[in-house]
């Protein structure tokens, strides 16, 4: 990380953009230069970067904790996520509820939360939503951390300045795009929030508005934050508005109210509209149906698919978890019909052992 993209360690309550002027200036120049060339957008909508950087971000409390989790010994996700995981959690109420990105706590056997003063607090998993990726924890002792208030992520516009708050640092950024995100692991968000410049402190981090309200939870670092036509590194955040209608269900039942989606157990890559299988999860429905890495999925039920997003959407609209998914697979120069009996992904994951 260069000086223009360095992170600011937490240490003050009112965080000002002037502290990170060089980082935002670099991104502002690149972003404003690219948006100025778009005929559909008008220059008066964009304030000068210097004026915007002088505005204060008011953060009443850096409402974050560090998460350390250890997966169960035979965790299905150990190969891709490791057994020891670290990231940030965001305290969202006075009872010790902590919101994070779910992959940090999948198949966790033990979870420890740490506060800025070094104190450790045990925690347990309350819920996980596969569709959004949110994970919810509860501290087993009271946390000395003020909870953050929810903002309105749907109202966040491109070119808006935001603050990324992780346990290991704070960084200013711009919202540079609002668009879908398609993940290779059978994951799709209709609209995600993308920010730049990139920060390494993103896993479970809080995306805050100028008023210090929570807009999203950090999920990934990406190399196309401004869209596939430009290679601008940045981060992807899951919008907080997705959590609001399901929070009560997550607390009460451990999952959202929507019925479980069909899950096959494949990683895929889209190449010129084709969906190529890059990995098959061991003991998954896809493995049982003899799908292999290198297979090209060209259709579903005899109808051609148009890329990953279309593929996922049509799988999930086929019925609830457990439905048979008829795939048209190109292998060795010929198209074969392969039926995959889907499952609820939750049933595939290893539970925490009980004694």
Protein backbone atom coordinates (compact mmCIF):
# COMPACT_ATOMS: atom_id res chain seq x y z
CA UNK A 1 0.00 0.00 0.00
CA UNK A 2 1.45 3.38 -0.97
CA UNK A 3 1.17 6.59 1.02
CA UNK A 4 -1.84 7.63 -1.05
CA UNK A 5 -3.73 4.48 -0.11
CA UNK A 6 -2.62 4.01 3.48
CA UNK A 7 -5.19 3.31 6.15
CA UNK A 8 -5.74 5.56 9.14
CA UNK A 9 -5.60 3.82 12.48
CA UNK A 10 -8.58 4.49 14.71
CA UNK A 11 -7.98 6.88 17.54
CA UNK A 12 -10.46 9.74 17.26
CA UNK A 13 -14.20 9.94 17.39
CA UNK A 14 -14.75 12.53 14.68
CA UNK A 15 -12.93 11.31 11.59
CA UNK A 16 -12.30 13.90 8.88
CA UNK A 17 -11.62 13.27 5.25
CA UNK A 18 -8.76 15.76 5.41
CA UNK A 19 -6.74 13.14 7.30
CA UNK A 20 -6.69 11.00 4.15
CA UNK A 21 -6.71 13.69 1.51
CA UNK A 22 -4.10 12.10 -0.74
CA UNK A 23 -5.90 8.74 -0.90
CA UNK A 24 -9.22 10.24 -1.88
CA UNK A 25 -7.64 12.72 -4.25
CA UNK A 26 -6.09 9.94 -6.32
CA UNK A 27 -9.40 8.09 -6.61
CA UNK A 28 -11.38 11.28 -7.15
CA UNK A 29 -9.25 12.29 -10.12
CA UNK A 30 -9.55 8.87 -11.76
CA UNK A 31 -13.24 8.53 -11.01
CA UNK A 32 -14.29 12.03 -11.98
CA UNK A 33 -12.22 11.79 -15.15
CA UNK A 34 -14.03 8.62 -16.20
CA UNK A 35 -17.50 9.85 -15.31
CA UNK A 36 -16.98 13.17 -17.06
CA UNK A 37 -16.74 11.35 -20.37
CA UNK A 38 -20.18 9.80 -20.00
CA UNK A 39 -22.63 11.84 -22.01
CA UNK A 40 -25.55 10.77 -19.84
CA UNK A 41 -24.09 12.41 -16.74
CA UNK A 42 -23.78 16.12 -16.10
CA UNK A 43 -20.82 17.89 -14.51
CA UNK A 44 -22.86 20.00 -12.01
CA UNK A 45 -23.78 16.80 -10.12
CA UNK A 46 -20.15 16.34 -9.03
CA UNK A 47 -18.66 18.55 -6.33
CA UNK A 48 -14.95 19.44 -6.55
CA UNK A 49 -12.85 16.80 -4.78
CA UNK A 50 -11.15 19.28 -2.44
CA UNK A 51 -14.47 20.63 -1.19
CA UNK A 52 -15.83 17.15 -0.63
CA UNK A 53 -12.72 16.05 1.29
CA UNK A 54 -13.17 18.86 3.80
CA UNK A 55 -16.52 17.48 4.95
CA UNK A 56 -16.47 15.62 8.24
CA UNK A 57 -17.51 12.05 8.81
CA UNK A 58 -19.12 11.95 12.23
CA UNK A 59 -18.49 8.60 13.91
CA UNK A 60 -19.97 8.52 17.42
CA UNK A 61 -18.21 5.22 18.08
CA UNK A 62 -16.10 2.87 16.05
CA UNK A 63 -18.59 0.08 16.71
CA UNK A 64 -16.43 -2.82 15.59
CA UNK A 65 -14.73 -5.84 17.13
CA UNK A 66 -12.18 -8.29 15.84
CA UNK A 67 -13.44 -11.79 15.05
CA UNK A 68 -11.30 -14.89 15.36
CA UNK A 69 -12.98 -18.18 14.51
CA UNK A 70 -11.80 -21.77 14.35
CA UNK A 71 -13.62 -24.18 12.09
CA UNK A 72 -14.60 -27.69 13.13
CA UNK A 73 -11.99 -30.35 12.40
CA UNK A 74 -13.73 -31.75 9.32
CA UNK A 75 -15.18 -28.49 7.99
CA UNK A 76 -16.28 -28.65 4.36
CA UNK A 77 -15.12 -25.06 3.86
CA UNK A 78 -11.57 -25.54 5.20
CA UNK A 79 -10.09 -26.03 1.75
CA UNK A 80 -11.32 -22.69 0.44
CA UNK A 81 -11.49 -20.61 3.64
CA UNK A 82 -8.97 -22.24 5.96
CA UNK A 83 -9.55 -23.40 9.51
CA UNK A 84 -8.43 -20.20 11.29
CA UNK A 85 -10.29 -17.08 10.13
CA UNK A 86 -10.04 -13.43 11.14
CA UNK A 87 -11.98 -10.32 10.27
CA UNK A 88 -14.24 -7.60 11.60
CA UNK A 89 -17.64 -7.70 13.26
CA UNK A 90 -20.01 -4.75 13.66
CA UNK A 91 -21.94 -4.37 16.92
CA UNK A 92 -25.59 -3.65 16.03
CA UNK A 93 -27.40 -3.65 19.37
CA UNK A 94 -26.84 -3.26 23.10
CA UNK A 95 -27.44 -6.97 23.74
CA UNK A 96 -24.23 -8.05 22.03
CA UNK A 97 -25.44 -8.86 18.52
CA UNK A 98 -22.57 -8.64 16.03
CA UNK A 99 -23.01 -8.57 12.25
CA UNK A 100 -20.30 -9.80 9.91
CA UNK A 101 -19.71 -11.50 6.59
CA UNK A 102 -20.80 -15.09 6.88
CA UNK A 103 -17.75 -16.91 5.54
CA UNK A 104 -15.84 -15.90 8.66
CA UNK A 105 -18.14 -18.00 10.84
CA UNK A 106 -19.20 -20.88 8.58
CA UNK A 107 -18.78 -24.22 10.37
CA UNK A 108 -17.17 -22.45 13.34
CA UNK A 109 -16.44 -24.47 16.44
CA UNK A 110 -15.16 -21.55 18.53
CA UNK A 111 -15.45 -17.78 18.09
CA UNK A 112 -13.67 -15.03 20.01
CA UNK A 113 -14.37 -11.31 19.79
CA UNK A 114 -11.73 -8.73 20.75
CA UNK A 115 -12.19 -5.06 21.57
CA UNK A 116 -9.72 -2.23 20.98
CA UNK A 117 -8.38 -2.47 24.52
CA UNK A 118 -7.39 -6.11 23.98
CA UNK A 119 -10.18 -7.75 25.97
CA UNK A 120 -11.58 -11.01 24.59
CA UNK A 121 -15.20 -12.16 24.63
CA UNK A 122 -16.53 -15.58 23.62
CA UNK A 123 -19.37 -15.59 21.12
CA UNK A 124 -21.74 -18.00 19.45
CA UNK A 125 -23.26 -18.14 15.97
CA UNK A 126 -26.86 -16.93 15.88
CA UNK A 127 -27.56 -17.20 12.17
CA UNK A 128 -26.29 -17.21 8.61
CA UNK A 129 -28.10 -16.24 5.41
CA UNK A 130 -26.74 -17.99 2.33
CA UNK A 131 -28.52 -15.69 -0.12
CA UNK A 132 -27.02 -12.43 1.14
CA UNK A 133 -23.92 -13.74 2.90
CA UNK A 134 -24.65 -12.07 6.24
CA UNK A 135 -23.55 -13.79 9.43
CA UNK A 136 -24.86 -12.96 12.90
CA UNK A 137 -23.11 -13.57 16.23
CA UNK A 138 -23.91 -12.93 19.86
CA UNK A 139 -21.33 -12.14 22.50
CA UNK A 140 -21.68 -14.34 25.57
CA UNK A 141 -20.72 -11.43 27.85
CA UNK A 142 -21.69 -7.74 27.54
CA UNK A 143 -19.57 -5.84 25.05
CA UNK A 144 -18.18 -2.41 26.04
CA UNK A 145 -18.88 -1.11 22.54
CA UNK A 146 -21.59 1.29 21.44
CA UNK A 147 -23.76 -0.21 18.65
CA UNK A 148 -23.96 1.41 15.26
CA UNK A 149 -27.22 2.65 13.74
CA UNK A 150 -28.48 1.36 10.41
CA UNK A 151 -28.47 3.68 7.43
CA UNK A 152 -30.34 3.48 4.13
CA UNK A 153 -28.09 1.67 1.69
CA UNK A 154 -30.63 2.05 -1.10
CA UNK A 155 -30.16 5.80 -0.99
CA UNK A 156 -26.38 5.69 -1.46
CA UNK A 157 -25.38 7.14 -4.82
CA UNK A 158 -22.28 6.84 -6.94
CA UNK A 159 -19.58 9.40 -6.12
CA UNK A 160 -20.67 9.52 -2.49
CA UNK A 161 -17.87 9.56 0.06
CA UNK A 162 -17.94 6.82 2.69
CA UNK A 163 -15.76 5.41 5.43
CA UNK A 164 -14.60 1.78 5.67
CA UNK A 165 -14.12 0.82 9.31
CA UNK A 166 -12.41 -2.46 10.12
CA UNK A 167 -10.93 -3.55 13.41
CA UNK A 168 -7.39 -2.97 12.12
CA UNK A 169 -7.93 0.43 10.58
CA UNK A 170 -10.11 3.08 9.00
CA UNK A 171 -10.02 4.17 5.37
CA UNK A 172 -11.98 6.74 3.33
CA UNK A 173 -13.41 5.76 -0.05
CA UNK A 174 -15.83 6.67 -2.80
CA UNK A 175 -18.85 4.65 -3.88
CA UNK A 176 -17.90 4.09 -7.51
CA UNK A 177 -20.71 1.80 -8.71
CA UNK A 178 -23.97 0.11 -7.77
CA UNK A 179 -24.56 -3.04 -9.78
CA UNK A 180 -25.07 -6.82 -9.49
CA UNK A 181 -22.39 -9.13 -8.16
CA UNK A 182 -22.08 -12.70 -9.41
CA UNK A 183 -19.96 -15.09 -7.35
CA UNK A 184 -18.42 -18.29 -8.66
CA UNK A 185 -19.74 -20.22 -5.61
CA UNK A 186 -23.49 -20.13 -6.56
CA UNK A 187 -23.97 -16.60 -5.22
CA UNK A 188 -25.70 -13.59 -6.70
CA UNK A 189 -26.59 -10.13 -5.41
CA UNK A 190 -29.01 -8.10 -7.52
CA UNK A 191 -27.19 -4.96 -6.44
CA UNK A 192 -23.97 -4.60 -4.47
CA UNK A 193 -22.06 -1.51 -3.38
CA UNK A 194 -18.56 -1.07 -4.85
CA UNK A 195 -15.99 1.34 -3.40
CA UNK A 196 -12.49 2.56 -4.24
CA UNK A 197 -9.62 2.89 -3.47
CA UNK A 198 -9.14 -0.69 -2.36
CA UNK A 199 -8.45 -1.48 1.26
CA UNK A 200 -7.02 -4.71 2.64
CA UNK A 201 -9.09 -4.27 5.81
CA UNK A 202 -12.36 -5.34 4.20
CA UNK A 203 -13.47 -8.71 5.54
CA UNK A 204 -16.60 -7.99 7.60
CA UNK A 205 -15.77 -4.26 7.76
CA UNK A 206 -18.43 -1.61 8.30
CA UNK A 207 -19.26 0.73 5.42
CA UNK A 208 -20.36 3.98 7.05
CA UNK A 209 -22.08 7.09 5.79
CA UNK A 210 -20.97 10.62 6.68
CA UNK A 211 -23.35 10.41 9.64
CA UNK A 212 -21.67 7.24 10.90
CA UNK A 213 -24.58 4.98 9.95
CA UNK A 214 -24.09 1.46 8.64
CA UNK A 215 -24.55 1.06 4.88
CA UNK A 216 -23.03 -2.37 4.25
CA UNK A 217 -20.71 -5.17 5.31
CA UNK A 218 -17.40 -5.84 3.57
CA UNK A 219 -17.26 -9.01 1.50
CA UNK A 220 -14.52 -8.98 -1.13
CA UNK A 221 -11.69 -7.13 -2.81
CA UNK A 222 -12.29 -6.79 -6.57
CA UNK A 223 -10.31 -5.53 -9.54
CA UNK A 224 -13.27 -4.03 -11.42
CA UNK A 225 -14.91 -1.76 -8.86
CA UNK A 226 -16.05 0.70 -11.52
CA UNK A 227 -17.32 -1.99 -13.90
CA UNK A 228 -15.94 -4.68 -16.14
CA UNK A 229 -14.66 -2.17 -18.73
CA UNK A 230 -12.17 -0.63 -16.31
CA UNK A 231 -9.59 -2.26 -14.07
CA UNK A 232 -9.92 -0.21 -10.89
CA UNK A 233 -9.23 -2.11 -7.65
CA UNK A 234 -11.81 -1.71 -4.91
CA UNK A 235 -14.10 -3.52 -2.52
CA UNK A 236 -17.58 -5.02 -2.65
CA UNK A 237 -20.05 -4.54 0.19
CA UNK A 238 -23.33 -6.32 0.90
CA UNK A 239 -26.01 -3.61 1.36
CA UNK A 240 -27.51 -3.33 4.83
CA UNK A 241 -31.04 -2.97 3.44
CA UNK A 242 -30.94 -6.70 2.64
CA UNK A 243 -30.64 -7.48 6.35
CA UNK A 244 -33.54 -5.41 7.65
CA UNK A 245 -36.49 -7.64 6.57
CA UNK A 246 -34.77 -10.85 7.70
CA UNK A 247 -33.10 -9.78 10.95
CA UNK A 248 -35.94 -10.99 13.15
CA UNK A 249 -35.93 -14.41 11.48
CA UNK A 250 -32.15 -14.69 11.75
CA UNK A 251 -32.36 -14.05 15.47
CA UNK A 252 -35.32 -16.38 16.01
CA UNK A 253 -34.49 -19.29 13.70
CA UNK A 254 -30.90 -18.84 12.53
CA UNK A 255 -31.86 -18.19 8.92
CA UNK A 256 -34.00 -15.92 6.78
CA UNK A 257 -37.68 -16.56 6.14
CA UNK A 258 -37.17 -17.48 2.47
CA UNK A 259 -37.21 -21.18 1.63
CA UNK A 260 -33.78 -22.75 1.08
CA UNK A 261 -32.51 -22.46 -2.47
CA UNK A 262 -31.38 -25.47 -4.49
CA UNK A 263 -27.62 -25.92 -4.19
CA UNK A 264 -25.47 -28.05 -6.50
CA UNK A 265 -21.94 -27.72 -5.11
CA UNK A 266 -20.00 -26.27 -8.04
CA UNK A 267 -17.71 -23.33 -8.68
CA UNK A 268 -18.08 -21.82 -12.12
CA UNK A 269 -16.50 -19.26 -14.39
CA UNK A 270 -18.23 -17.35 -17.16
CA UNK A 271 -16.33 -17.10 -20.43
CA UNK A 272 -18.11 -15.34 -23.30
CA UNK A 273 -21.49 -16.34 -21.90
CA UNK A 274 -20.51 -19.96 -21.29
CA UNK A 275 -20.62 -21.38 -17.76
CA UNK A 276 -17.55 -23.54 -17.13
CA UNK A 277 -17.27 -25.79 -14.08
CA UNK A 278 -13.97 -25.02 -12.32
CA UNK A 279 -14.44 -27.06 -9.14
CA UNK A 280 -16.84 -29.66 -7.77
CA UNK A 281 -17.28 -29.81 -3.98
CA UNK A 282 -16.52 -33.24 -2.49
CA UNK A 283 -19.62 -35.28 -1.59
CA UNK A 284 -21.86 -32.62 -3.14
CA UNK A 285 -24.89 -33.23 -5.38
CA UNK A 286 -22.74 -32.24 -8.37
CA UNK A 287 -20.14 -34.89 -7.53
CA UNK A 288 -22.83 -37.52 -7.08
CA UNK A 289 -24.14 -36.59 -10.54
CA UNK A 290 -20.60 -37.00 -11.97
CA UNK A 291 -20.07 -33.37 -12.92
CA UNK A 292 -16.39 -32.60 -13.42
CA UNK A 293 -14.08 -29.64 -13.65
CA UNK A 294 -13.97 -28.55 -17.28
CA UNK A 295 -17.59 -29.39 -18.02
CA UNK A 296 -19.38 -26.58 -19.85
CA UNK A 297 -23.01 -26.02 -18.82
CA UNK A 298 -24.82 -24.80 -21.92
CA UNK A 299 -28.44 -25.24 -20.92
CA UNK A 300 -30.97 -26.07 -18.26
CA UNK A 301 -33.86 -28.35 -19.16
CA UNK A 302 -33.16 -28.01 -22.86
CA UNK A 303 -33.10 -24.20 -22.83
CA UNK A 304 -29.85 -22.31 -23.41
CA UNK A 305 -28.44 -20.23 -20.55
CA UNK A 306 -26.95 -16.77 -20.83
CA UNK A 307 -24.12 -16.65 -18.34
CA UNK A 308 -23.73 -17.23 -14.63
CA UNK A 309 -26.44 -14.85 -13.41
CA UNK A 310 -29.04 -16.41 -15.68
CA UNK A 311 -27.85 -19.90 -14.68
CA UNK A 312 -28.19 -19.24 -10.94
CA UNK A 313 -31.52 -17.45 -11.27
CA UNK A 314 -33.04 -20.29 -13.24
CA UNK A 315 -31.76 -22.92 -10.80
CA UNK A 316 -33.31 -21.07 -7.87
CA UNK A 317 -36.60 -20.57 -9.73
CA UNK A 318 -36.83 -24.32 -10.42
CA UNK A 319 -38.21 -25.03 -6.94
CA UNK A 320 -37.10 -25.48 -3.36
CA UNK A 321 -33.93 -27.23 -2.25
CA UNK A 322 -34.23 -30.92 -3.13
CA UNK A 323 -35.59 -30.40 -6.64
CA UNK A 324 -33.87 -32.18 -9.54
CA UNK A 325 -31.95 -29.78 -11.81
CA UNK A 326 -31.68 -31.01 -15.43
CA UNK A 327 -28.43 -29.68 -16.91
CA UNK A 328 -27.23 -29.75 -20.51
CA UNK A 329 -23.48 -30.30 -20.31
CA UNK A 330 -20.95 -30.04 -23.12
CA UNK A 331 -18.08 -32.49 -22.66
CA UNK A 332 -15.82 -34.21 -25.17
CA UNK A 333 -17.51 -32.42 -28.04
CA UNK A 334 -21.06 -33.57 -27.30
CA UNK A 335 -23.95 -32.35 -25.17
CA UNK A 336 -25.10 -34.71 -22.43
CA UNK A 337 -28.09 -34.50 -20.09
CA UNK A 338 -27.11 -34.59 -16.42
CA UNK A 339 -29.70 -34.52 -13.62
CA UNK A 340 -28.48 -33.13 -10.29
CA UNK A 341 -30.59 -33.62 -7.17
CA UNK A 342 -30.09 -30.36 -5.31
CA UNK A 343 -29.87 -29.93 -1.55
CA UNK A 344 -30.12 -27.19 1.04
CA UNK A 345 -26.52 -26.03 1.44
CA UNK A 346 -27.00 -25.82 5.20
CA UNK A 347 -27.39 -29.61 5.27
CA UNK A 348 -24.05 -30.01 3.50
CA UNK A 349 -22.06 -28.01 6.04
CA UNK A 350 -20.62 -29.64 9.15
CA UNK A 351 -22.38 -28.71 12.40
CA UNK A 352 -20.53 -27.73 15.55
CA UNK A 353 -20.13 -30.87 17.68
CA UNK A 354 -22.24 -31.14 20.82
CA UNK A 355 -21.19 -32.97 23.92
